[in-house]
Amino acid sequence: MLWGLLAGCASRGEAQPSAALRLLPIAAHVVEVNGTPVASEAFLQERLARANAIFAPYRVGFVLERRSPLPAAHARLESRADRDALAAYTGKHVIDWFVVESLRDVDEPERMRRGVHWHARGKRAHYVILSTLGGPDVLAHELGHYLGNPEHSQTPGNLMCYERGQIEPPFLDAPQIARMERALRGYFSRGELRRAEQRATP
């Protein structure tokens, strides 16, 4: 499947892989309300599989190494402090992925967000947060931010653009790929991330 995804990469500037996939470990933290997770296992697996399909042409994959419950107090994130509080649950050498019931936009409170890449204030921690409103591509989009691309694109079909285009799957352009590669080198060299040994989730 991986090599099938590479067709047409050159026309968009993506690097065609000549080496193995670099697998990155993910720790999922899912809020539970009255003992029931706000998101199902199918929700997690669908979004992880989609992220793997989108990042495969760039030799990046993701492995869900562990899942843990998150207290119901974190179900609805309304403020910056609510988002910051998740830093207490982060681990070492992994990408932390939090799934909550709702996620309010802290700059435009009338809006609800589907996902965010959050840097906790006053702490050396950053992580991905998804609400249950987040569709299949939202995890991949937020991982794009996590992997060195903080800005949004104006090109329809680009992974970092809100507008879908005609190209499937969503893609990264050459400058975005270069930023991702720099981010990965930094994460690995600092020990912030390690490579996962397991096979990427299909």
C-alpha atoms as a PDB file:
ATOM      1  CA  MET A   1       0.000   0.000   0.000  1.00  0.00           C
ATOM      2  CA  LEU A   2       2.830   2.380   0.842  1.00  0.00           C
ATOM      3  CA  TRP A   3       4.349   2.290  -2.634  1.00  0.00           C
ATOM      4  CA  GLY A   4       0.957   2.766  -4.237  1.00  0.00           C
ATOM      5  CA  LEU A   5       0.606   6.018  -2.326  1.00  0.00           C
ATOM      6  CA  LEU A   6       3.801   7.347  -3.897  1.00  0.00           C
ATOM      7  CA  ALA A   7       2.431   7.680  -7.404  1.00  0.00           C
ATOM      8  CA  GLY A   8       2.414  11.291  -8.511  1.00  0.00           C
ATOM      9  CA  CYS A   9       4.519  12.536  -5.604  1.00  0.00           C
ATOM     10  CA  ALA A  10       7.183  14.087  -7.791  1.00  0.00           C
ATOM     11  CA  SER A  11       4.693  16.453  -9.418  1.00  0.00           C
ATOM     12  CA  ARG A  12       3.898  17.970  -6.024  1.00  0.00           C
ATOM     13  CA  GLY A  13       7.461  18.201  -4.764  1.00  0.00           C
ATOM     14  CA  GLU A  14       7.252  15.448  -2.164  1.00  0.00           C
ATOM     15  CA  ALA A  15      10.331  13.446  -1.350  1.00  0.00           C
ATOM     16  CA  GLN A  16      10.114   9.910  -2.687  1.00  0.00           C
ATOM     17  CA  PRO A  17      11.369   7.535  -0.016  1.00  0.00           C
ATOM     18  CA  SER A  18      14.508   5.462  -0.446  1.00  0.00           C
ATOM     19  CA  ALA A  19      14.612   4.257   3.159  1.00  0.00           C
ATOM     20  CA  ALA A  20      12.353   2.658   5.717  1.00  0.00           C
ATOM     21  CA  LEU A  21       9.404   4.303   7.388  1.00  0.00           C
ATOM     22  CA  ARG A  22      10.245   6.296  10.504  1.00  0.00           C
ATOM     23  CA  LEU A  23       7.667   5.185  13.033  1.00  0.00           C
ATOM     24  CA  LEU A  24       6.702   7.622  15.774  1.00  0.00           C
ATOM     25  CA  PRO A  25       5.028   6.441  18.994  1.00  0.00           C
ATOM     26  CA  ILE A  26       1.690   7.905  20.043  1.00  0.00           C
ATOM     27  CA  ALA A  27       0.121   7.770  23.497  1.00  0.00           C
ATOM     28  CA  ALA A  28      -3.650   8.322  23.369  1.00  0.00           C
ATOM     29  CA  HIS A  29      -5.468   9.815  26.371  1.00  0.00           C
ATOM     30  CA  VAL A  30      -9.250   9.540  26.034  1.00  0.00           C
ATOM     31  CA  VAL A  31     -11.647  11.248  28.410  1.00  0.00           C
ATOM     32  CA  GLU A  32     -14.085   8.926  30.164  1.00  0.00           C
ATOM     33  CA  VAL A  33     -17.455  10.182  31.416  1.00  0.00           C
ATOM     34  CA  ASN A  34     -19.251   7.862  33.837  1.00  0.00           C
ATOM     35  CA  GLY A  35     -16.818   5.132  32.866  1.00  0.00           C
ATOM     36  CA  THR A  36     -17.475   5.433  29.119  1.00  0.00           C
ATOM     37  CA  PRO A  37     -14.858   6.828  26.704  1.00  0.00           C
ATOM     38  CA  VAL A  38     -16.038   9.852  24.733  1.00  0.00           C
ATOM     39  CA  ALA A  39     -14.486   8.293  21.611  1.00  0.00           C
ATOM     40  CA  SER A  40     -14.582   4.673  20.516  1.00  0.00           C
ATOM     41  CA  GLU A  41     -11.687   2.460  19.515  1.00  0.00           C
ATOM     42  CA  ALA A  42     -12.954   2.757  15.933  1.00  0.00           C
ATOM     43  CA  PHE A  43     -12.659   6.562  16.190  1.00  0.00           C
ATOM     44  CA  LEU A  44      -9.006   6.260  17.226  1.00  0.00           C
ATOM     45  CA  GLN A  45      -8.093   3.666  14.624  1.00  0.00           C
ATOM     46  CA  GLU A  46      -9.787   5.504  11.750  1.00  0.00           C
ATOM     47  CA  ARG A  47      -7.903   8.719  12.460  1.00  0.00           C
ATOM     48  CA  LEU A  48      -4.598   6.963  13.007  1.00  0.00           C
ATOM     49  CA  ALA A  49      -4.952   4.962   9.800  1.00  0.00           C
ATOM     50  CA  ARG A  50      -5.741   8.143   7.885  1.00  0.00           C
ATOM     51  CA  ALA A  51      -2.671   9.888   9.339  1.00  0.00           C
ATOM     52  CA  ASN A  52      -0.529   6.939   8.290  1.00  0.00           C
ATOM     53  CA  ALA A  53      -1.909   7.029   4.751  1.00  0.00           C
ATOM     54  CA  ILE A  54      -1.237  10.771   4.447  1.00  0.00           C
ATOM     55  CA  PHE A  55       2.307  10.698   5.879  1.00  0.00           C
ATOM     56  CA  ALA A  56       3.474   7.456   4.232  1.00  0.00           C
ATOM     57  CA  PRO A  57       4.905   9.214   1.132  1.00  0.00           C
ATOM     58  CA  TYR A  58       7.216  11.168   3.460  1.00  0.00           C
ATOM     59  CA  ARG A  59       8.531   8.054   5.239  1.00  0.00           C
ATOM     60  CA  VAL A  60       6.682   8.877   8.454  1.00  0.00           C
ATOM     61  CA  GLY A  61       4.286   6.552  10.261  1.00  0.00           C
ATOM     62  CA  PHE A  62       2.580   6.453  13.640  1.00  0.00           C
ATOM     63  CA  VAL A  63       2.142   3.635  16.136  1.00  0.00           C
ATOM     64  CA  LEU A  64      -0.475   3.770  18.871  1.00  0.00           C
ATOM     65  CA  GLU A  65       1.617   2.341  21.679  1.00  0.00           C
ATOM     66  CA  ARG A  66      -0.739   2.870  24.575  1.00  0.00           C
ATOM     67  CA  ARG A  67      -4.130   4.207  25.589  1.00  0.00           C
ATOM     68  CA  SER A  68      -5.071   5.639  28.943  1.00  0.00           C
ATOM     69  CA  PRO A  69      -8.278   7.095  30.407  1.00  0.00           C
ATOM     70  CA  LEU A  70      -8.533  10.793  31.164  1.00  0.00           C
ATOM     71  CA  PRO A  71     -10.729  12.055  34.024  1.00  0.00           C
ATOM     72  CA  ALA A  72     -14.123  13.506  33.149  1.00  0.00           C
ATOM     73  CA  ALA A  73     -12.980  16.868  34.535  1.00  0.00           C
ATOM     74  CA  HIS A  74     -11.144  17.331  31.226  1.00  0.00           C
ATOM     75  CA  ALA A  75     -14.129  16.509  29.018  1.00  0.00           C
ATOM     76  CA  ARG A  76     -14.834  20.109  28.030  1.00  0.00           C
ATOM     77  CA  LEU A  77     -11.868  22.382  27.455  1.00  0.00           C
ATOM     78  CA  GLU A  78     -13.050  25.967  27.700  1.00  0.00           C
ATOM     79  CA  SER A  79      -9.892  27.970  28.416  1.00  0.00           C
ATOM     80  CA  ARG A  80      -6.134  28.091  27.978  1.00  0.00           C
ATOM     81  CA  ALA A  81      -5.793  26.831  31.543  1.00  0.00           C
ATOM     82  CA  ASP A  82      -7.934  23.810  30.653  1.00  0.00           C
ATOM     83  CA  ARG A  83      -5.601  22.980  27.779  1.00  0.00           C
ATOM     84  CA  ASP A  84      -2.503  23.593  29.886  1.00  0.00           C
ATOM     85  CA  ALA A  85      -3.764  21.150  32.520  1.00  0.00           C
ATOM     86  CA  LEU A  86      -3.298  18.249  30.114  1.00  0.00           C
ATOM     87  CA  ALA A  87       0.479  18.686  30.361  1.00  0.00           C
ATOM     88  CA  ALA A  88       0.328  16.761  33.653  1.00  0.00           C
ATOM     89  CA  TYR A  89      -0.499  13.595  31.699  1.00  0.00           C
ATOM     90  CA  THR A  90       2.221  13.808  29.062  1.00  0.00           C
ATOM     91  CA  GLY A  91       4.973  11.219  28.801  1.00  0.00           C
ATOM     92  CA  LYS A  92       8.524  11.128  27.515  1.00  0.00           C
ATOM     93  CA  HIS A  93       9.665  10.341  23.982  1.00  0.00           C
ATOM     94  CA  VAL A  94       6.123  10.040  22.559  1.00  0.00           C
ATOM     95  CA  ILE A  95       3.513  12.188  20.843  1.00  0.00           C
ATOM     96  CA  ASP A  96       0.671  12.702  23.302  1.00  0.00           C
ATOM     97  CA  TRP A  97      -2.800  12.725  21.733  1.00  0.00           C
ATOM     98  CA  PHE A  98      -5.737  13.839  23.880  1.00  0.00           C
ATOM     99  CA  VAL A  99      -9.345  13.173  22.892  1.00  0.00           C
ATOM    100  CA  VAL A 100     -11.977  15.293  24.639  1.00  0.00           C
ATOM    101  CA  GLU A 101     -15.693  15.905  24.321  1.00  0.00           C
ATOM    102  CA  SER A 102     -15.446  19.562  23.280  1.00  0.00           C
ATOM    103  CA  LEU A 103     -12.753  22.143  22.617  1.00  0.00           C
ATOM    104  CA  ARG A 104     -13.579  25.841  22.657  1.00  0.00           C
ATOM    105  CA  ASP A 105     -11.592  28.332  20.592  1.00  0.00           C
ATOM    106  CA  VAL A 106      -9.759  30.430  23.176  1.00  0.00           C
ATOM    107  CA  ASP A 107      -9.434  33.428  20.833  1.00  0.00           C
ATOM    108  CA  GLU A 108     -12.984  33.318  19.432  1.00  0.00           C
ATOM    109  CA  PRO A 109     -15.074  31.856  22.260  1.00  0.00           C
ATOM    110  CA  GLU A 110     -18.190  31.590  20.115  1.00  0.00           C
ATOM    111  CA  ARG A 111     -16.444  28.904  18.023  1.00  0.00           C
ATOM    112  CA  MET A 112     -15.758  25.270  18.812  1.00  0.00           C
ATOM    113  CA  ARG A 113     -12.564  23.694  17.537  1.00  0.00           C
ATOM    114  CA  ARG A 114     -12.077  20.219  16.111  1.00  0.00           C
ATOM    115  CA  GLY A 115      -8.410  19.985  17.006  1.00  0.00           C
ATOM    116  CA  VAL A 116      -5.340  21.912  18.087  1.00  0.00           C
ATOM    117  CA  HIS A 117      -1.598  21.501  18.556  1.00  0.00           C
ATOM    118  CA  TRP A 118      -1.065  23.052  21.969  1.00  0.00           C
ATOM    119  CA  HIS A 119       2.073  24.360  23.706  1.00  0.00           C
ATOM    120  CA  ALA A 120       1.420  24.406  27.447  1.00  0.00           C
ATOM    121  CA  ARG A 121       2.316  27.745  29.000  1.00  0.00           C
ATOM    122  CA  GLY A 122       5.197  27.644  31.455  1.00  0.00           C
ATOM    123  CA  LYS A 123       5.914  23.987  30.717  1.00  0.00           C
ATOM    124  CA  ARG A 124       8.131  22.241  28.219  1.00  0.00           C
ATOM    125  CA  ALA A 125       5.259  20.239  26.807  1.00  0.00           C
ATOM    126  CA  HIS A 126       3.265  20.275  23.601  1.00  0.00           C
ATOM    127  CA  TYR A 127       0.640  17.859  22.378  1.00  0.00           C
ATOM    128  CA  VAL A 128      -2.280  17.260  20.077  1.00  0.00           C
ATOM    129  CA  ILE A 129      -5.875  17.683  21.256  1.00  0.00           C
ATOM    130  CA  LEU A 130      -8.896  16.466  19.275  1.00  0.00           C
ATOM    131  CA  SER A 131     -12.552  16.912  20.103  1.00  0.00           C
ATOM    132  CA  THR A 132     -15.088  14.290  19.158  1.00  0.00           C
ATOM    133  CA  LEU A 133     -16.182  16.699  16.389  1.00  0.00           C
ATOM    134  CA  GLY A 134     -12.872  16.098  14.614  1.00  0.00           C
ATOM    135  CA  GLY A 135     -13.221  14.289  11.297  1.00  0.00           C
ATOM    136  CA  PRO A 136     -10.841  11.670   9.888  1.00  0.00           C
ATOM    137  CA  ASP A 137      -8.211  14.183   8.661  1.00  0.00           C
ATOM    138  CA  VAL A 138      -7.978  16.323  11.801  1.00  0.00           C
ATOM    139  CA  LEU A 139      -5.374  14.194  13.587  1.00  0.00           C
ATOM    140  CA  ALA A 140      -3.115  14.267  10.501  1.00  0.00           C
ATOM    141  CA  HIS A 141      -3.525  18.052  10.235  1.00  0.00           C
ATOM    142  CA  GLU A 142      -2.561  18.586  13.885  1.00  0.00           C
ATOM    143  CA  LEU A 143       0.363  16.187  13.538  1.00  0.00           C
ATOM    144  CA  GLY A 144       1.466  18.377  10.632  1.00  0.00           C
ATOM    145  CA  HIS A 145       1.643  21.271  13.081  1.00  0.00           C
ATOM    146  CA  TYR A 146       3.453  19.096  15.621  1.00  0.00           C
ATOM    147  CA  LEU A 147       6.012  18.118  12.977  1.00  0.00           C
ATOM    148  CA  GLY A 148       7.264  21.598  12.256  1.00  0.00           C
ATOM    149  CA  ASN A 149       4.551  23.365  10.258  1.00  0.00           C
ATOM    150  CA  PRO A 150       2.787  25.924  12.477  1.00  0.00           C
ATOM    151  CA  GLU A 151       1.328  27.973   9.613  1.00  0.00           C
ATOM    152  CA  HIS A 152      -1.773  27.153   7.589  1.00  0.00           C
ATOM    153  CA  SER A 153      -1.629  26.842   3.823  1.00  0.00           C
ATOM    154  CA  GLN A 154      -3.883  28.635   1.357  1.00  0.00           C
ATOM    155  CA  THR A 155      -3.533  25.844  -1.224  1.00  0.00           C
ATOM    156  CA  PRO A 156      -6.641  23.639  -1.448  1.00  0.00           C
ATOM    157  CA  GLY A 157      -5.747  20.000  -0.887  1.00  0.00           C
ATOM    158  CA  ASN A 158      -2.674  20.799   1.172  1.00  0.00           C
ATOM    159  CA  LEU A 159      -2.767  19.015   4.538  1.00  0.00           C
ATOM    160  CA  MET A 160      -2.305  22.339   6.328  1.00  0.00           C
ATOM    161  CA  CYS A 161      -5.175  24.021   4.457  1.00  0.00           C
ATOM    162  CA  TYR A 162      -8.763  23.975   5.695  1.00  0.00           C
ATOM    163  CA  GLU A 163     -10.073  23.642   2.128  1.00  0.00           C
ATOM    164  CA  ARG A 164     -10.093  20.269   0.433  1.00  0.00           C
ATOM    165  CA  GLY A 165      -8.765  20.039  -3.116  1.00  0.00           C
ATOM    166  CA  GLN A 166      -8.857  17.494  -5.919  1.00  0.00           C
ATOM    167  CA  ILE A 167      -5.698  15.675  -4.841  1.00  0.00           C
ATOM    168  CA  GLU A 168      -6.097  12.665  -2.589  1.00  0.00           C
ATOM    169  CA  PRO A 169      -4.686  12.163  -0.043  1.00  0.00           C
ATOM    170  CA  PRO A 170      -3.887  15.661   1.271  1.00  0.00           C
ATOM    171  CA  PHE A 171      -0.262  16.546   0.614  1.00  0.00           C
ATOM    172  CA  LEU A 172       2.664  18.533   1.963  1.00  0.00           C
ATOM    173  CA  ASP A 173       4.646  20.820  -0.340  1.00  0.00           C
ATOM    174  CA  ALA A 174       8.448  20.909  -0.570  1.00  0.00           C
ATOM    175  CA  PRO A 175       9.018  23.673   2.053  1.00  0.00           C
ATOM    176  CA  GLN A 176       6.673  21.896   4.466  1.00  0.00           C
ATOM    177  CA  ILE A 177       8.545  18.632   3.977  1.00  0.00           C
ATOM    178  CA  ALA A 178      11.840  20.402   4.661  1.00  0.00           C
ATOM    179  CA  ARG A 179      10.454  21.902   7.873  1.00  0.00           C
ATOM    180  CA  MET A 180       9.180  18.499   8.955  1.00  0.00           C
ATOM    181  CA  GLU A 181      12.580  16.936   8.356  1.00  0.00           C
ATOM    182  CA  ARG A 182      14.266  19.633  10.442  1.00  0.00           C
ATOM    183  CA  ALA A 183      11.717  19.132  13.209  1.00  0.00           C
ATOM    184  CA  LEU A 184      12.254  15.378  13.222  1.00  0.00           C
ATOM    185  CA  ARG A 185      16.031  15.752  13.383  1.00  0.00           C
ATOM    186  CA  GLY A 186      15.614  18.097  16.338  1.00  0.00           C
ATOM    187  CA  TYR A 187      13.163  15.838  18.157  1.00  0.00           C
ATOM    188  CA  PHE A 188      15.415  12.806  17.728  1.00  0.00           C
ATOM    189  CA  SER A 189      18.642  14.592  18.625  1.00  0.00           C
ATOM    190  CA  ARG A 190      17.141  16.102  21.808  1.00  0.00           C
ATOM    191  CA  GLY A 191      15.521  12.838  22.773  1.00  0.00           C
ATOM    192  CA  GLU A 192      12.081  14.416  22.701  1.00  0.00           C
ATOM    193  CA  LEU A 193      10.897  11.617  20.421  1.00  0.00           C
ATOM    194  CA  ARG A 194      12.161   8.111  19.881  1.00  0.00           C
ATOM    195  CA  ARG A 195      11.447   5.771  17.033  1.00  0.00           C
ATOM    196  CA  ALA A 196       8.789   3.164  17.609  1.00  0.00           C
ATOM    197  CA  GLU A 197       9.737  -0.416  16.897  1.00  0.00           C
ATOM    198  CA  GLN A 198       6.293  -1.690  16.075  1.00  0.00           C
ATOM    199  CA  ARG A 199       4.652  -1.756  12.679  1.00  0.00           C
ATOM    200  CA  ALA A 200       2.569   1.316  11.841  1.00  0.00           C
ATOM    201  CA  THR A 201      -1.165   0.935  12.324  1.00  0.00           C
ATOM    202  CA  PRO A 202      -2.664   0.167   8.871  1.00  0.00           C
END
